Amino acid sequence: MAPLSLRLRTSRLGATEAVRLARLAWNRDQGLPRAVKLRKASAFVRSLLLGSLYLRRVDETGSGVRCLGRPRITNDGFMKLGSGSVLRSHIVPVELVSGPGGRLEIGRFAVINTGVSIAAHGRITIGDRALIGPYVMINDTAYHDVYERGIVPAPQPIVIEDDVWLGAKSTVLPGVRIGRGAIVSAHALVTKDVPEFTIVSGVPAEVVARLNPKKFAVAAKQNVGCEKDTS
């Protein structure tokens, strides 16, 4: 865990960014009734405060990180959450784990939904603006050898690049790299690398469609820092 002085300094430096995010959220909801806007604004501020409280065991936390409900954090290695990220534990807790010597890094403006479990015993890297649907599982080890069930296999690094969308209840196995802008369909089992700007589906997951990178780049630029939510 980072020293208290560093965390306090980071918190002060992040105040301006938190205010900017709050203004973006308020402007995003301009068309809503005032009572709804006030309720959402109150929930936004509360989630910012809870982020500071619940993520105190995280080594590096960017500004404006929010928690809806209390996540389960086990940090015996190194853990980093990028600015503007959101952990939604309002139904089932998000579980983030870094084992001894493990490293879990999550980029800016990532949205991690209810029931997600991510465990890094080696290294897991998740890029900016990743959308991780409910009950997704990302583990860099299978925890049991095929024959010697009491032996934990060596971890294999997982890389999830920027702007990836993982559908609900999908599973990412050890050693996988998912390319930028890719979409993993709900319930898919990702056993091998996924090319960028593709949609994969099935068990095991296979490419079923390809995205237009030019259209995607425009949409992604418009959505930076303005992730939609139901808070």
C-alpha atoms as a PDB file:
ATOM      1  CA  MET A   1       0.000   0.000   0.000  1.00  0.00           C
ATOM      2  CA  ALA A   2       1.231   3.519  -0.818  1.00  0.00           C
ATOM      3  CA  PRO A   3       2.387   5.661   2.132  1.00  0.00           C
ATOM      4  CA  LEU A   4      -0.304   7.828   3.739  1.00  0.00           C
ATOM      5  CA  SER A   5       1.481  11.052   2.713  1.00  0.00           C
ATOM      6  CA  LEU A   6       1.477   9.991  -0.953  1.00  0.00           C
ATOM      7  CA  ARG A   7      -2.190   9.022  -0.863  1.00  0.00           C
ATOM      8  CA  LEU A   8      -3.177  12.353   0.727  1.00  0.00           C
ATOM      9  CA  ARG A   9      -1.126  14.265  -1.836  1.00  0.00           C
ATOM     10  CA  THR A  10      -2.728  12.312  -4.684  1.00  0.00           C
ATOM     11  CA  SER A  11      -6.172  12.958  -3.207  1.00  0.00           C
ATOM     12  CA  ARG A  12      -5.594  16.728  -3.126  1.00  0.00           C
ATOM     13  CA  LEU A  13      -4.250  16.784  -6.667  1.00  0.00           C
ATOM     14  CA  GLY A  14      -7.292  14.808  -7.833  1.00  0.00           C
ATOM     15  CA  ALA A  15      -9.878  17.222  -6.438  1.00  0.00           C
ATOM     16  CA  THR A  16      -9.966  19.328  -9.622  1.00  0.00           C
ATOM     17  CA  GLU A  17     -10.477  16.245 -11.775  1.00  0.00           C
ATOM     18  CA  ALA A  18     -13.281  15.023  -9.501  1.00  0.00           C
ATOM     19  CA  VAL A  19     -15.075  18.374  -9.847  1.00  0.00           C
ATOM     20  CA  ARG A  20     -14.658  18.199 -13.639  1.00  0.00           C
ATOM     21  CA  LEU A  21     -16.217  14.728 -13.709  1.00  0.00           C
ATOM     22  CA  ALA A  22     -19.104  15.910 -11.540  1.00  0.00           C
ATOM     23  CA  ARG A  23     -19.784  18.787 -13.937  1.00  0.00           C
ATOM     24  CA  LEU A  24     -19.701  16.416 -16.912  1.00  0.00           C
ATOM     25  CA  ALA A  25     -22.230  14.155 -15.201  1.00  0.00           C
ATOM     26  CA  TRP A  26     -24.485  17.116 -14.345  1.00  0.00           C
ATOM     27  CA  ASN A  27     -24.383  18.451 -17.916  1.00  0.00           C
ATOM     28  CA  ARG A  28     -25.005  14.966 -19.309  1.00  0.00           C
ATOM     29  CA  ASP A  29     -28.302  14.819 -17.388  1.00  0.00           C
ATOM     30  CA  GLN A  30     -29.617  18.228 -18.519  1.00  0.00           C
ATOM     31  CA  GLY A  31     -32.780  16.762 -20.042  1.00  0.00           C
ATOM     32  CA  LEU A  32     -33.882  15.035 -16.834  1.00  0.00           C
ATOM     33  CA  PRO A  33     -36.326  16.455 -14.249  1.00  0.00           C
ATOM     34  CA  ARG A  34     -34.600  18.511 -11.555  1.00  0.00           C
ATOM     35  CA  ALA A  35     -35.507  16.050  -8.780  1.00  0.00           C
ATOM     36  CA  VAL A  36     -33.893  13.205 -10.731  1.00  0.00           C
ATOM     37  CA  LYS A  37     -30.797  15.302 -11.437  1.00  0.00           C
ATOM     38  CA  LEU A  38     -30.426  16.123  -7.751  1.00  0.00           C
ATOM     39  CA  ARG A  39     -30.801  12.463  -6.762  1.00  0.00           C
ATOM     40  CA  LYS A  40     -28.175  11.419  -9.316  1.00  0.00           C
ATOM     41  CA  ALA A  41     -25.849  14.244  -8.243  1.00  0.00           C
ATOM     42  CA  SER A  42     -26.142  13.130  -4.612  1.00  0.00           C
ATOM     43  CA  ALA A  43     -25.382   9.525  -5.599  1.00  0.00           C
ATOM     44  CA  PHE A  44     -22.401  10.720  -7.656  1.00  0.00           C
ATOM     45  CA  VAL A  45     -20.869  12.607  -4.711  1.00  0.00           C
ATOM     46  CA  ARG A  46     -21.541   9.686  -2.372  1.00  0.00           C
ATOM     47  CA  SER A  47     -19.818   7.257  -4.756  1.00  0.00           C
ATOM     48  CA  LEU A  48     -16.749   9.536  -4.862  1.00  0.00           C
ATOM     49  CA  LEU A  49     -16.557   9.572  -1.072  1.00  0.00           C
ATOM     50  CA  LEU A  50     -17.004   5.810  -0.872  1.00  0.00           C
ATOM     51  CA  GLY A  51     -14.236   5.367  -3.434  1.00  0.00           C
ATOM     52  CA  SER A  52     -11.804   7.128  -1.099  1.00  0.00           C
ATOM     53  CA  LEU A  53     -12.930   4.960   1.811  1.00  0.00           C
ATOM     54  CA  TYR A  54     -13.258   1.518   0.224  1.00  0.00           C
ATOM     55  CA  LEU A  55     -10.152   1.692  -1.993  1.00  0.00           C
ATOM     56  CA  ARG A  56      -7.660   2.707   0.685  1.00  0.00           C
ATOM     57  CA  ARG A  57      -5.836  -0.621   0.272  1.00  0.00           C
ATOM     58  CA  VAL A  58      -5.196   0.059  -3.419  1.00  0.00           C
ATOM     59  CA  ASP A  59      -1.626   1.244  -4.054  1.00  0.00           C
ATOM     60  CA  GLU A  60      -2.440   3.846  -6.715  1.00  0.00           C
ATOM     61  CA  THR A  61      -5.905   5.323  -7.194  1.00  0.00           C
ATOM     62  CA  GLY A  62      -6.514   8.002  -9.811  1.00  0.00           C
ATOM     63  CA  SER A  63      -8.763  10.983  -9.273  1.00  0.00           C
ATOM     64  CA  GLY A  64     -12.516  10.639  -9.529  1.00  0.00           C
ATOM     65  CA  VAL A  65     -12.622   6.869  -8.917  1.00  0.00           C
ATOM     66  CA  ARG A  66     -16.088   5.918  -7.647  1.00  0.00           C
ATOM     67  CA  CYS A  67     -17.632   2.994  -5.770  1.00  0.00           C
ATOM     68  CA  LEU A  68     -21.311   2.111  -5.835  1.00  0.00           C
ATOM     69  CA  GLY A  69     -21.442  -0.295  -2.902  1.00  0.00           C
ATOM     70  CA  ARG A  70     -18.456  -1.907  -1.201  1.00  0.00           C
ATOM     71  CA  PRO A  71     -16.021  -3.974  -3.315  1.00  0.00           C
ATOM     72  CA  ARG A  72     -13.856  -6.773  -1.922  1.00  0.00           C
ATOM     73  CA  ILE A  73     -10.206  -5.798  -2.199  1.00  0.00           C
ATOM     74  CA  THR A  74      -7.389  -8.257  -1.447  1.00  0.00           C
ATOM     75  CA  ASN A  75      -4.084  -6.610  -2.256  1.00  0.00           C
ATOM     76  CA  ASP A  76      -1.058  -8.730  -1.379  1.00  0.00           C
ATOM     77  CA  GLY A  77       0.868  -7.521  -4.428  1.00  0.00           C
ATOM     78  CA  PHE A  78       0.355  -4.287  -6.357  1.00  0.00           C
ATOM     79  CA  MET A  79      -2.922  -2.729  -7.498  1.00  0.00           C
ATOM     80  CA  LYS A  80      -3.680   0.384  -9.546  1.00  0.00           C
ATOM     81  CA  LEU A  81      -6.990   1.994 -10.601  1.00  0.00           C
ATOM     82  CA  GLY A  82      -7.016   4.756 -13.206  1.00  0.00           C
ATOM     83  CA  SER A  83      -8.827   8.097 -12.977  1.00  0.00           C
ATOM     84  CA  GLY A  84     -12.573   8.146 -13.461  1.00  0.00           C
ATOM     85  CA  SER A  85     -13.046   4.397 -13.078  1.00  0.00           C
ATOM     86  CA  VAL A  86     -16.237   3.037 -11.524  1.00  0.00           C
ATOM     87  CA  LEU A  87     -16.765  -0.125  -9.424  1.00  0.00           C
ATOM     88  CA  ARG A  88     -20.425  -1.156  -9.191  1.00  0.00           C
ATOM     89  CA  SER A  89     -20.931  -3.384  -6.160  1.00  0.00           C
ATOM     90  CA  HIS A  90     -24.509  -2.330  -5.467  1.00  0.00           C
ATOM     91  CA  ILE A  91     -25.929  -5.859  -6.070  1.00  0.00           C
ATOM     92  CA  VAL A  92     -22.982  -8.278  -5.695  1.00  0.00           C
ATOM     93  CA  PRO A  93     -19.511  -7.000  -4.704  1.00  0.00           C
ATOM     94  CA  VAL A  94     -16.785  -6.528  -7.274  1.00  0.00           C
ATOM     95  CA  GLU A  95     -13.784  -8.656  -6.269  1.00  0.00           C
ATOM     96  CA  LEU A  96     -10.270  -7.417  -7.045  1.00  0.00           C
ATOM     97  CA  VAL A  97      -7.305  -9.572  -6.005  1.00  0.00           C
ATOM     98  CA  SER A  98      -3.554  -9.272  -6.366  1.00  0.00           C
ATOM     99  CA  GLY A  99      -1.686 -12.229  -4.907  1.00  0.00           C
ATOM    100  CA  PRO A 100       1.847 -12.084  -3.481  1.00  0.00           C
ATOM    101  CA  GLY A 101       4.027 -10.764  -6.299  1.00  0.00           C
ATOM    102  CA  GLY A 102       0.944 -10.180  -8.461  1.00  0.00           C
ATOM    103  CA  ARG A 103       0.169  -6.955 -10.297  1.00  0.00           C
ATOM    104  CA  LEU A 104      -3.289  -5.701 -11.290  1.00  0.00           C
ATOM    105  CA  GLU A 105      -3.487  -2.483 -13.306  1.00  0.00           C
ATOM    106  CA  ILE A 106      -6.796  -1.008 -14.517  1.00  0.00           C
ATOM    107  CA  GLY A 107      -6.817   2.037 -16.799  1.00  0.00           C
ATOM    108  CA  ARG A 108      -8.761   5.293 -16.867  1.00  0.00           C
ATOM    109  CA  PHE A 109     -12.567   5.475 -17.103  1.00  0.00           C
ATOM    110  CA  ALA A 110     -13.023   1.710 -16.801  1.00  0.00           C
ATOM    111  CA  VAL A 111     -16.457   0.509 -15.667  1.00  0.00           C
ATOM    112  CA  ILE A 112     -16.489  -2.705 -13.634  1.00  0.00           C
ATOM    113  CA  ASN A 113     -19.951  -4.065 -12.986  1.00  0.00           C
ATOM    114  CA  THR A 114     -21.570  -6.060 -10.209  1.00  0.00           C
ATOM    115  CA  GLY A 115     -20.205  -9.518  -9.438  1.00  0.00           C
ATOM    116  CA  VAL A 116     -17.003  -9.162 -11.500  1.00  0.00           C
ATOM    117  CA  SER A 117     -14.017 -11.164 -10.206  1.00  0.00           C
ATOM    118  CA  ILE A 118     -10.464 -10.251 -11.285  1.00  0.00           C
ATOM    119  CA  ALA A 119      -7.485 -12.036  -9.723  1.00  0.00           C
ATOM    120  CA  ALA A 120      -3.862 -11.357 -10.637  1.00  0.00           C
ATOM    121  CA  HIS A 121      -1.253 -13.749  -9.274  1.00  0.00           C
ATOM    122  CA  GLY A 122       1.175 -12.737 -12.023  1.00  0.00           C
ATOM    123  CA  ARG A 123       0.022  -9.762 -14.063  1.00  0.00           C
ATOM    124  CA  ILE A 124      -3.292  -8.508 -15.441  1.00  0.00           C
ATOM    125  CA  THR A 125      -3.438  -5.244 -17.372  1.00  0.00           C
ATOM    126  CA  ILE A 126      -6.758  -3.657 -18.356  1.00  0.00           C
ATOM    127  CA  GLY A 127      -6.734  -0.595 -20.613  1.00  0.00           C
ATOM    128  CA  ASP A 128      -8.579   2.698 -20.641  1.00  0.00           C
ATOM    129  CA  ARG A 129     -12.370   2.850 -21.060  1.00  0.00           C
ATOM    130  CA  ALA A 130     -12.817  -0.898 -20.638  1.00  0.00           C
ATOM    131  CA  LEU A 131     -16.422  -1.948 -20.037  1.00  0.00           C
ATOM    132  CA  ILE A 132     -16.645  -5.103 -17.945  1.00  0.00           C
ATOM    133  CA  GLY A 133     -20.158  -6.542 -17.680  1.00  0.00           C
ATOM    134  CA  PRO A 134     -21.784  -8.236 -14.688  1.00  0.00           C
ATOM    135  CA  TYR A 135     -20.249 -11.476 -13.378  1.00  0.00           C
ATOM    136  CA  VAL A 136     -17.258 -11.487 -15.722  1.00  0.00           C
ATOM    137  CA  MET A 137     -14.311 -13.618 -14.522  1.00  0.00           C
ATOM    138  CA  ILE A 138     -10.681 -12.755 -15.309  1.00  0.00           C
ATOM    139  CA  ASN A 139      -8.042 -14.958 -13.656  1.00  0.00           C
ATOM    140  CA  ASP A 140      -4.421 -15.417 -14.732  1.00  0.00           C
ATOM    141  CA  THR A 141      -4.162 -18.921 -13.262  1.00  0.00           C
ATOM    142  CA  ALA A 142      -6.461 -21.943 -13.342  1.00  0.00           C
ATOM    143  CA  TYR A 143      -5.693 -22.576  -9.623  1.00  0.00           C
ATOM    144  CA  HIS A 144      -5.507 -26.384 -10.121  1.00  0.00           C
ATOM    145  CA  ASP A 145      -3.229 -28.500 -12.305  1.00  0.00           C
ATOM    146  CA  VAL A 146      -5.118 -30.884 -14.584  1.00  0.00           C
ATOM    147  CA  TYR A 147      -3.591 -33.968 -12.908  1.00  0.00           C
ATOM    148  CA  GLU A 148      -2.025 -32.744  -9.657  1.00  0.00           C
ATOM    149  CA  ARG A 149      -5.068 -30.870  -8.345  1.00  0.00           C
ATOM    150  CA  GLY A 150      -3.207 -29.601  -5.293  1.00  0.00           C
ATOM    151  CA  ILE A 151      -0.673 -27.731  -7.439  1.00  0.00           C
ATOM    152  CA  VAL A 152      -1.418 -24.175  -8.591  1.00  0.00           C
ATOM    153  CA  PRO A 153      -0.207 -23.644 -12.188  1.00  0.00           C
ATOM    154  CA  ALA A 154       2.108 -20.719 -12.870  1.00  0.00           C
ATOM    155  CA  PRO A 155       0.178 -17.569 -13.816  1.00  0.00           C
ATOM    156  CA  GLN A 156       0.111 -16.393 -17.425  1.00  0.00           C
ATOM    157  CA  PRO A 157      -0.265 -12.649 -18.098  1.00  0.00           C
ATOM    158  CA  ILE A 158      -3.569 -11.275 -19.366  1.00  0.00           C
ATOM    159  CA  VAL A 159      -3.747  -8.053 -21.388  1.00  0.00           C
ATOM    160  CA  ILE A 160      -7.060  -6.350 -22.156  1.00  0.00           C
ATOM    161  CA  GLU A 161      -6.377  -3.332 -24.346  1.00  0.00           C
ATOM    162  CA  ASP A 162      -8.158   0.033 -24.493  1.00  0.00           C
ATOM    163  CA  ASP A 163     -11.900   0.262 -25.278  1.00  0.00           C
ATOM    164  CA  VAL A 164     -12.649  -3.444 -24.857  1.00  0.00           C
ATOM    165  CA  TRP A 165     -16.200  -4.460 -23.914  1.00  0.00           C
ATOM    166  CA  LEU A 166     -16.646  -7.755 -22.047  1.00  0.00           C
ATOM    167  CA  GLY A 167     -20.259  -8.958 -21.998  1.00  0.00           C
ATOM    168  CA  ALA A 168     -22.011 -10.332 -18.932  1.00  0.00           C
ATOM    169  CA  LYS A 169     -20.776 -13.666 -17.540  1.00  0.00           C
ATOM    170  CA  SER A 170     -17.941 -13.977 -20.047  1.00  0.00           C
ATOM    171  CA  THR A 171     -14.699 -15.610 -18.873  1.00  0.00           C
ATOM    172  CA  VAL A 172     -11.130 -14.705 -19.834  1.00  0.00           C
ATOM    173  CA  LEU A 173      -8.602 -17.514 -19.365  1.00  0.00           C
ATOM    174  CA  PRO A 174      -4.887 -17.162 -18.492  1.00  0.00           C
ATOM    175  CA  GLY A 175      -2.465 -16.000 -21.178  1.00  0.00           C
ATOM    176  CA  VAL A 176      -5.033 -14.190 -23.335  1.00  0.00           C
ATOM    177  CA  ARG A 177      -4.645 -10.808 -25.045  1.00  0.00           C
ATOM    178  CA  ILE A 178      -7.794  -8.977 -26.165  1.00  0.00           C
ATOM    179  CA  GLY A 179      -7.148  -6.309 -28.792  1.00  0.00           C
ATOM    180  CA  ARG A 180      -8.312  -2.710 -28.729  1.00  0.00           C
ATOM    181  CA  GLY A 181     -12.004  -2.063 -29.309  1.00  0.00           C
ATOM    182  CA  ALA A 182     -12.947  -5.744 -29.305  1.00  0.00           C
ATOM    183  CA  ILE A 183     -16.298  -6.962 -27.976  1.00  0.00           C
ATOM    184  CA  VAL A 184     -16.673 -10.271 -26.138  1.00  0.00           C
ATOM    185  CA  SER A 185     -20.276 -11.482 -26.183  1.00  0.00           C
ATOM    186  CA  ALA A 186     -22.147 -12.504 -23.055  1.00  0.00           C
ATOM    187  CA  HIS A 187     -21.295 -15.987 -21.711  1.00  0.00           C
ATOM    188  CA  ALA A 188     -18.315 -16.350 -24.089  1.00  0.00           C
ATOM    189  CA  LEU A 189     -15.221 -18.303 -23.018  1.00  0.00           C
ATOM    190  CA  VAL A 190     -12.063 -16.574 -24.244  1.00  0.00           C
ATOM    191  CA  THR A 191      -9.332 -19.192 -24.635  1.00  0.00           C
ATOM    192  CA  LYS A 192      -7.048 -17.452 -27.155  1.00  0.00           C
ATOM    193  CA  ASP A 193      -6.045 -13.970 -28.319  1.00  0.00           C
ATOM    194  CA  VAL A 194      -8.798 -11.751 -29.740  1.00  0.00           C
ATOM    195  CA  PRO A 195      -7.899  -9.442 -32.673  1.00  0.00           C
ATOM    196  CA  GLU A 196      -8.597  -5.733 -32.279  1.00  0.00           C
ATOM    197  CA  PHE A 197     -11.933  -4.345 -33.506  1.00  0.00           C
ATOM    198  CA  THR A 198     -13.630  -7.722 -33.677  1.00  0.00           C
ATOM    199  CA  ILE A 199     -16.659  -9.301 -31.993  1.00  0.00           C
ATOM    200  CA  VAL A 200     -16.195 -12.794 -30.572  1.00  0.00           C
ATOM    201  CA  SER A 201     -18.848 -15.144 -29.272  1.00  0.00           C
ATOM    202  CA  GLY A 202     -19.307 -18.732 -28.143  1.00  0.00           C
ATOM    203  CA  VAL A 203     -17.554 -21.478 -26.195  1.00  0.00           C
ATOM    204  CA  PRO A 204     -14.746 -21.295 -27.089  1.00  0.00           C
ATOM    205  CA  ALA A 205     -15.014 -17.715 -28.382  1.00  0.00           C
ATOM    206  CA  GLU A 206     -14.560 -17.227 -32.129  1.00  0.00           C
ATOM    207  CA  VAL A 207     -14.685 -14.140 -34.346  1.00  0.00           C
ATOM    208  CA  VAL A 208     -18.228 -13.545 -35.613  1.00  0.00           C
ATOM    209  CA  ALA A 209     -17.943  -9.955 -36.900  1.00  0.00           C
ATOM    210  CA  ARG A 210     -15.504  -7.102 -37.489  1.00  0.00           C
ATOM    211  CA  LEU A 211     -15.874  -3.457 -36.477  1.00  0.00           C
ATOM    212  CA  ASN A 212     -15.024  -0.350 -38.500  1.00  0.00           C
ATOM    213  CA  PRO A 213     -12.096   1.302 -36.652  1.00  0.00           C
ATOM    214  CA  LYS A 214     -12.854   4.715 -38.210  1.00  0.00           C
ATOM    215  CA  LYS A 215     -16.413   4.808 -36.858  1.00  0.00           C
ATOM    216  CA  PHE A 216     -15.228   3.489 -33.529  1.00  0.00           C
ATOM    217  CA  ALA A 217     -12.539   6.161 -33.077  1.00  0.00           C
ATOM    218  CA  VAL A 218     -15.062   9.007 -33.388  1.00  0.00           C
ATOM    219  CA  ALA A 219     -17.503   7.442 -30.908  1.00  0.00           C
ATOM    220  CA  ALA A 220     -14.747   6.646 -28.406  1.00  0.00           C
ATOM    221  CA  LYS A 221     -13.441  10.223 -28.497  1.00  0.00           C
ATOM    222  CA  GLN A 222     -16.920  11.593 -27.772  1.00  0.00           C
ATOM    223  CA  ASN A 223     -17.421   9.283 -24.782  1.00  0.00           C
ATOM    224  CA  VAL A 224     -14.143   9.902 -22.929  1.00  0.00           C
ATOM    225  CA  GLY A 225     -14.927  10.769 -19.330  1.00  0.00           C
ATOM    226  CA  CYS A 226     -18.678  10.698 -19.892  1.00  0.00           C
ATOM    227  CA  GLU A 227     -19.561   7.090 -19.143  1.00  0.00           C
ATOM    228  CA  LYS A 228     -23.297   6.560 -18.760  1.00  0.00           C
ATOM    229  CA  ASP A 229     -24.574   5.147 -15.504  1.00  0.00           C
ATOM    230  CA  THR A 230     -27.735   4.611 -13.500  1.00  0.00           C
ATOM    231  CA  SER A 231     -26.502   6.276 -10.303  1.00  0.00           C
END
